[in-house]
Amino acid sequence: VLGTVLYRIAGMKVFEGILHTMSALSTAGFSTRAGSIGEYGSFGIELVTIFLMLIGITNFGVLMLCVKGKFRQVIRLSEIRFMGVFLGTAILLIAASLYFENGMGVFESIRAAALNTLSALSTTGYSTLSIDTYSPFAFGIIIIAMLVGGGMGSTAGGLKLIRTHILIKMGLANLRRRIYSRRQVEAMYYTKIQGKTLVDASLMSDVTGFAITYFIVYIAGSLLLCLSAGCGLEEGLFEFAAAFSTSGLSTGITGTHMPAAALVVEMIGMILGRLEIFIVLTGVFSFVSLSGEKLFRKLHR
């Protein structure tokens, strides 16, 4: 309701406001306009969209803390802090690229970078710029943002912010151990809703195992997409990142003209990305095991 009201104030029709609110909150990215949010050309509509995507990207537990007014606790959360640092850095870098390499004004560069970067990180897929507008540098940052994705327990896809944060902490801790004295013992912690939590061996194993599997699927899917769609590596990396993170952005490769094999590759990527890899693999393994067991019993009888 709030999103619809804000969209109406910004100049959008009520019916379109309802649809865009649902789509932004669920990070789906569907639009009633062929040119997406960019077709409106309205700064106010873009601000409302950014607000709704931020809600969609955020862990539902964190949103509950916000409703209860516990903002200090929210600010201390590792996932929220990392999201702020990542978003701020990515927006500045893309804005600088648009300013220096595309000749856009300062305000226009920041405005475009803010919405499009958040759209990629939240895996929503709304856009105000054509993919061709990006330099290779900005293009790469958009791919990274899609792969990182949103908060754990949010509607966004991707590897997830907290896993990325823990991986970075693990990498930095490993580097410190190699540089400083081996006698130093340093425990890693991160702050979640339940409080300060130790990054123990079990958690590190889970995060590392998921991340390795995630990037194996990403690399394999990108290469298969290049093979089946006949596109270049750069386009393949972007298109499969968009499918795997369920953002829906495209360089123009994905469409009704796409070969059936390439569409199957993207569909598999979307299923694995939306439901998370291990859940799908566990379900498939359980189904195959159960079917095999039933078949064995029938043959035995």
Protein backbone atom coordinates (compact mmCIF):
# COMPACT_ATOMS: atom_id res chain seq x y z
CA VAL A 1 0.00 0.00 0.00
CA LEU A 2 2.79 2.42 0.93
CA GLY A 3 4.66 1.65 -2.28
CA THR A 4 1.55 2.21 -4.39
CA VAL A 5 0.84 5.53 -2.67
CA LEU A 6 4.44 6.69 -3.15
CA TYR A 7 4.38 5.71 -6.82
CA ARG A 8 1.10 7.65 -7.26
CA ILE A 9 2.63 10.74 -5.64
CA ALA A 10 5.62 10.37 -7.99
CA GLY A 11 3.26 10.44 -10.99
CA MET A 12 2.56 6.77 -11.76
CA LYS A 13 -0.97 5.52 -12.35
CA VAL A 14 -2.52 3.50 -9.50
CA PHE A 15 -2.78 0.23 -11.46
CA GLU A 16 0.84 0.46 -12.61
CA GLY A 17 1.87 1.47 -9.09
CA ILE A 18 0.34 -1.70 -7.64
CA LEU A 19 2.11 -3.91 -10.18
CA HIS A 20 5.49 -2.17 -9.88
CA THR A 21 5.32 -2.26 -6.07
CA MET A 22 4.72 -6.01 -6.06
CA SER A 23 7.48 -6.52 -8.61
CA ALA A 24 10.05 -4.34 -6.80
CA LEU A 25 9.34 -5.83 -3.35
CA SER A 26 9.61 -9.40 -4.65
CA THR A 27 12.72 -8.38 -6.67
CA ALA A 28 11.03 -9.82 -9.77
CA GLY A 29 11.65 -6.83 -12.04
CA PHE A 30 8.57 -7.17 -14.26
CA SER A 31 7.16 -3.95 -15.67
CA THR A 32 4.12 -2.79 -17.59
CA ARG A 33 6.45 -0.74 -19.79
CA ALA A 34 8.68 -2.19 -22.49
CA GLY A 35 11.47 0.16 -21.42
CA SER A 36 11.17 -0.86 -17.75
CA ILE A 37 11.39 1.85 -15.06
CA GLY A 38 13.64 3.90 -17.34
CA GLU A 39 10.75 4.58 -19.71
CA TYR A 40 9.12 6.88 -17.15
CA GLY A 41 12.18 9.13 -16.99
CA SER A 42 11.15 10.20 -13.49
CA PHE A 43 13.61 10.73 -10.64
CA GLY A 44 10.78 10.37 -8.10
CA ILE A 45 9.69 7.00 -9.50
CA GLU A 46 13.31 5.82 -9.43
CA LEU A 47 13.65 6.84 -5.76
CA VAL A 48 10.51 4.87 -4.83
CA THR A 49 11.83 1.87 -6.77
CA ILE A 50 15.18 2.07 -4.93
CA PHE A 51 13.33 2.21 -1.60
CA LEU A 52 11.23 -0.86 -2.44
CA MET A 53 14.21 -2.83 -3.78
CA LEU A 54 16.11 -2.09 -0.56
CA ILE A 55 13.23 -3.62 1.40
CA GLY A 56 13.20 -6.63 -0.95
CA ILE A 57 16.96 -7.18 -0.61
CA THR A 58 16.85 -7.12 3.19
CA ASN A 59 16.51 -10.14 5.47
CA PHE A 60 12.92 -10.38 6.78
CA GLY A 61 14.28 -10.69 10.31
CA VAL A 62 16.04 -7.34 9.87
CA LEU A 63 12.82 -5.80 8.59
CA MET A 64 11.09 -6.98 11.76
CA LEU A 65 13.74 -5.20 13.85
CA CYS A 66 13.08 -2.03 11.81
CA VAL A 67 9.34 -2.31 12.47
CA LYS A 68 10.09 -2.59 16.20
CA GLY A 69 12.30 0.50 15.99
CA LYS A 70 15.53 -1.33 16.91
CA PHE A 71 17.64 0.64 14.43
CA ARG A 72 20.84 0.54 16.51
CA GLN A 73 20.74 -3.24 16.47
CA VAL A 74 20.16 -3.17 12.70
CA ILE A 75 23.20 -0.95 12.10
CA ARG A 76 25.42 -3.38 14.03
CA LEU A 77 24.49 -6.35 11.82
CA SER A 78 27.38 -7.56 9.65
CA GLU A 79 25.15 -8.20 6.63
CA ILE A 80 23.73 -4.66 6.70
CA ARG A 81 27.17 -3.07 7.10
CA PHE A 82 28.62 -5.14 4.27
CA MET A 83 25.66 -4.28 2.05
CA GLY A 84 26.26 -0.57 2.71
CA VAL A 85 29.98 -0.82 1.93
CA PHE A 86 29.44 -2.94 -1.20
CA LEU A 87 26.64 -0.75 -2.56
CA GLY A 88 28.49 2.49 -1.82
CA THR A 89 31.69 1.27 -3.49
CA ALA A 90 29.95 -0.21 -6.54
CA ILE A 91 27.77 2.88 -7.08
CA LEU A 92 30.78 5.22 -6.88
CA LEU A 93 32.81 3.09 -9.30
CA ILE A 94 30.01 2.79 -11.85
CA ALA A 95 29.13 6.48 -11.51
CA ALA A 96 32.80 7.36 -12.13
CA SER A 97 32.81 5.11 -15.20
CA LEU A 98 29.64 6.72 -16.57
CA TYR A 99 31.04 10.21 -15.88
CA PHE A 100 34.53 9.77 -17.33
CA GLU A 101 33.91 7.20 -20.07
CA ASN A 102 30.36 8.05 -21.18
CA GLY A 103 30.39 11.80 -20.66
CA MET A 104 27.32 11.86 -18.38
CA GLY A 105 26.88 14.64 -15.81
CA VAL A 106 27.69 14.10 -12.13
CA PHE A 107 24.05 13.93 -10.99
CA GLU A 108 22.98 11.76 -13.94
CA SER A 109 25.88 9.37 -13.36
CA ILE A 110 25.10 8.91 -9.65
CA ARG A 111 21.36 8.62 -10.35
CA ALA A 112 21.83 5.94 -13.01
CA ALA A 113 24.49 4.08 -11.03
CA ALA A 114 22.36 3.99 -7.86
CA LEU A 115 19.28 2.41 -9.42
CA ASN A 116 21.06 0.03 -11.80
CA THR A 117 23.62 -1.18 -9.24
CA LEU A 118 20.96 -1.82 -6.62
CA SER A 119 18.83 -3.52 -9.26
CA ALA A 120 21.71 -5.90 -10.05
CA LEU A 121 22.59 -6.56 -6.37
CA SER A 122 18.95 -7.13 -5.42
CA THR A 123 18.59 -9.28 -8.57
CA THR A 124 15.46 -7.29 -9.48
CA GLY A 125 16.42 -6.50 -13.05
CA TYR A 126 14.97 -3.01 -13.41
CA SER A 127 17.11 -0.74 -15.56
CA THR A 128 17.34 2.81 -16.83
CA LEU A 129 20.39 2.18 -19.01
CA SER A 130 21.03 -0.05 -21.98
CA ILE A 131 23.66 -2.73 -21.32
CA ASP A 132 25.63 -1.30 -24.26
CA THR A 133 26.10 1.90 -22.25
CA TYR A 134 28.44 0.23 -19.75
CA SER A 135 32.19 0.12 -20.22
CA PRO A 136 33.84 -3.31 -19.71
CA PHE A 137 34.81 -2.13 -16.20
CA ALA A 138 31.24 -1.21 -15.20
CA PHE A 139 29.96 -4.32 -17.02
CA GLY A 140 32.15 -6.47 -14.76
CA ILE A 141 30.91 -4.76 -11.58
CA ILE A 142 27.30 -5.41 -12.60
CA ILE A 143 28.13 -9.11 -13.06
CA ILE A 144 29.77 -9.23 -9.60
CA ALA A 145 26.74 -7.50 -8.05
CA MET A 146 24.35 -10.04 -9.59
CA LEU A 147 26.45 -12.96 -8.36
CA VAL A 148 26.69 -11.58 -4.81
CA GLY A 149 22.94 -11.00 -4.60
CA GLY A 150 20.84 -9.95 -1.61
CA GLY A 151 20.44 -10.76 2.05
CA MET A 152 19.89 -14.21 3.49
CA GLY A 153 16.18 -14.76 4.02
CA SER A 154 15.22 -12.06 1.50
CA THR A 155 13.47 -12.36 -1.86
CA ALA A 156 16.75 -11.77 -3.74
CA GLY A 157 18.88 -14.42 -5.42
CA GLY A 158 22.67 -14.76 -5.67
CA LEU A 159 25.40 -16.14 -3.43
CA LYS A 160 24.03 -13.87 -0.66
CA LEU A 161 25.67 -10.97 1.13
CA ILE A 162 26.48 -12.74 4.39
CA ARG A 163 28.23 -15.64 2.67
CA THR A 164 30.31 -13.16 0.66
CA HIS A 165 31.14 -11.25 3.84
CA ILE A 166 32.28 -14.42 5.63
CA LEU A 167 34.37 -15.50 2.62
CA ILE A 168 36.15 -12.13 2.62
CA LYS A 169 36.76 -12.36 6.38
CA MET A 170 38.19 -15.85 5.90
CA GLY A 171 40.49 -14.63 3.13
CA LEU A 172 41.75 -11.68 5.18
CA ALA A 173 42.26 -13.86 8.27
CA ASN A 174 44.27 -16.34 6.20
CA LEU A 175 46.41 -13.50 4.83
CA ARG A 176 47.04 -12.13 8.33
CA ARG A 177 48.11 -15.57 9.56
CA ARG A 178 50.67 -15.75 6.76
CA ILE A 179 52.03 -12.27 7.41
CA TYR A 180 52.03 -12.06 11.20
CA SER A 181 53.34 -14.38 13.89
CA ARG A 182 51.91 -17.90 13.89
CA ARG A 183 51.58 -17.61 17.65
CA GLN A 184 48.71 -15.19 17.23
CA VAL A 185 45.29 -16.78 17.64
CA GLU A 186 42.41 -14.81 16.19
CA ALA A 187 38.80 -15.91 16.33
CA MET A 188 36.44 -14.65 13.64
CA TYR A 189 33.01 -13.31 14.51
CA TYR A 190 30.12 -11.78 12.65
CA THR A 191 26.98 -10.14 14.01
CA LYS A 192 23.58 -11.50 13.09
CA ILE A 193 20.10 -10.91 14.52
CA GLN A 194 20.70 -13.36 17.37
CA GLY A 195 23.91 -11.54 18.36
CA LYS A 196 27.67 -11.93 17.92
CA THR A 197 28.41 -15.35 16.40
CA LEU A 198 31.65 -17.28 16.06
CA VAL A 199 32.72 -18.28 12.56
CA ASP A 200 33.62 -21.85 13.47
CA ALA A 201 34.98 -24.69 11.34
CA SER A 202 31.48 -25.99 10.56
CA LEU A 203 30.26 -22.63 9.29
CA MET A 204 33.44 -22.08 7.26
CA SER A 205 33.00 -25.51 5.69
CA ASP A 206 29.35 -24.82 4.80
CA VAL A 207 30.08 -21.39 3.31
CA THR A 208 33.15 -22.55 1.38
CA GLY A 209 31.39 -25.66 0.08
CA PHE A 210 28.42 -23.64 -1.15
CA ALA A 211 30.59 -20.94 -2.74
CA ILE A 212 32.77 -23.47 -4.59
CA THR A 213 29.68 -25.32 -5.88
CA TYR A 214 28.07 -21.99 -6.83
CA PHE A 215 31.01 -20.88 -8.96
CA ILE A 216 31.47 -24.31 -10.55
CA VAL A 217 27.83 -24.16 -11.69
CA TYR A 218 28.30 -20.55 -12.83
CA ILE A 219 31.39 -21.30 -14.91
CA ALA A 220 29.90 -24.49 -16.38
CA GLY A 221 26.61 -22.74 -17.17
CA SER A 222 28.37 -19.78 -18.80
CA LEU A 223 30.44 -22.05 -21.03
CA LEU A 224 27.41 -24.17 -21.97
CA LEU A 225 25.52 -20.99 -22.82
CA CYS A 226 28.37 -19.82 -25.06
CA LEU A 227 28.28 -23.21 -26.79
CA SER A 228 24.50 -23.48 -27.18
CA ALA A 229 23.73 -19.82 -27.96
CA GLY A 230 26.83 -19.17 -30.05
CA CYS A 231 27.66 -16.00 -28.10
CA GLY A 232 30.99 -14.64 -26.86
CA LEU A 233 32.41 -15.37 -23.42
CA GLU A 234 31.61 -11.88 -22.12
CA GLU A 235 27.96 -12.19 -23.12
CA GLY A 236 27.79 -15.77 -21.82
CA LEU A 237 29.16 -14.75 -18.41
CA PHE A 238 26.63 -11.92 -18.16
CA GLU A 239 23.58 -13.84 -19.43
CA PHE A 240 24.13 -16.86 -17.18
CA ALA A 241 24.88 -14.60 -14.19
CA ALA A 242 21.52 -12.91 -14.86
CA ALA A 243 19.73 -16.27 -15.08
CA PHE A 244 21.56 -17.86 -12.14
CA SER A 245 20.95 -14.85 -9.89
CA THR A 246 17.40 -14.55 -11.28
CA SER A 247 17.88 -10.86 -12.09
CA GLY A 248 16.64 -11.08 -15.68
CA LEU A 249 19.01 -8.48 -17.14
CA SER A 250 20.17 -9.23 -20.68
CA THR A 251 22.57 -8.05 -23.35
CA GLY A 252 19.99 -9.07 -25.95
CA ILE A 253 21.13 -12.69 -26.25
CA THR A 254 18.13 -14.05 -24.35
CA GLY A 255 14.87 -13.89 -26.28
CA THR A 256 12.38 -15.76 -28.45
CA HIS A 257 15.08 -16.18 -31.10
CA MET A 258 17.33 -18.11 -28.69
CA PRO A 259 18.08 -21.80 -29.44
CA ALA A 260 16.12 -24.28 -27.30
CA ALA A 261 19.30 -25.75 -25.79
CA ALA A 262 20.40 -22.32 -24.56
CA LEU A 263 16.97 -21.70 -23.03
CA VAL A 264 17.21 -25.03 -21.17
CA VAL A 265 20.63 -24.01 -19.79
CA GLU A 266 19.16 -20.73 -18.51
CA MET A 267 16.08 -22.45 -17.06
CA ILE A 268 18.25 -24.88 -15.11
CA GLY A 269 20.31 -21.92 -13.91
CA MET A 270 17.18 -20.09 -12.75
CA ILE A 271 15.88 -23.13 -10.85
CA LEU A 272 19.24 -23.71 -9.12
CA GLY A 273 19.61 -20.02 -8.34
CA ARG A 274 16.09 -19.49 -7.03
CA LEU A 275 15.78 -22.62 -4.89
CA GLU A 276 19.51 -22.74 -3.98
CA ILE A 277 21.76 -25.46 -5.34
CA PHE A 278 21.96 -27.86 -2.40
CA ILE A 279 18.18 -27.92 -1.89
CA VAL A 280 17.65 -28.89 -5.55
CA LEU A 281 20.44 -31.47 -5.54
CA THR A 282 19.22 -32.98 -2.25
CA GLY A 283 15.69 -33.18 -3.64
CA VAL A 284 16.84 -34.84 -6.86
CA PHE A 285 19.07 -37.29 -4.98
CA SER A 286 16.25 -38.18 -2.56
CA PHE A 287 13.81 -38.70 -5.45
CA VAL A 288 16.25 -40.91 -7.37
CA SER A 289 17.11 -42.92 -4.24
CA LEU A 290 13.45 -43.43 -3.34
CA SER A 291 12.54 -44.40 -6.92
CA GLY A 292 15.47 -46.81 -7.05
CA GLU A 293 14.44 -48.36 -3.75
CA LYS A 294 10.85 -48.86 -4.95
CA LEU A 295 12.08 -50.39 -8.21
CA PHE A 296 14.39 -52.74 -6.31
CA ARG A 297 11.51 -53.89 -4.10
CA LYS A 298 9.30 -54.58 -7.12
CA LEU A 299 12.05 -56.57 -8.83
CA HIS A 300 12.77 -58.46 -5.60
CA ARG A 301 9.13 -59.45 -5.29
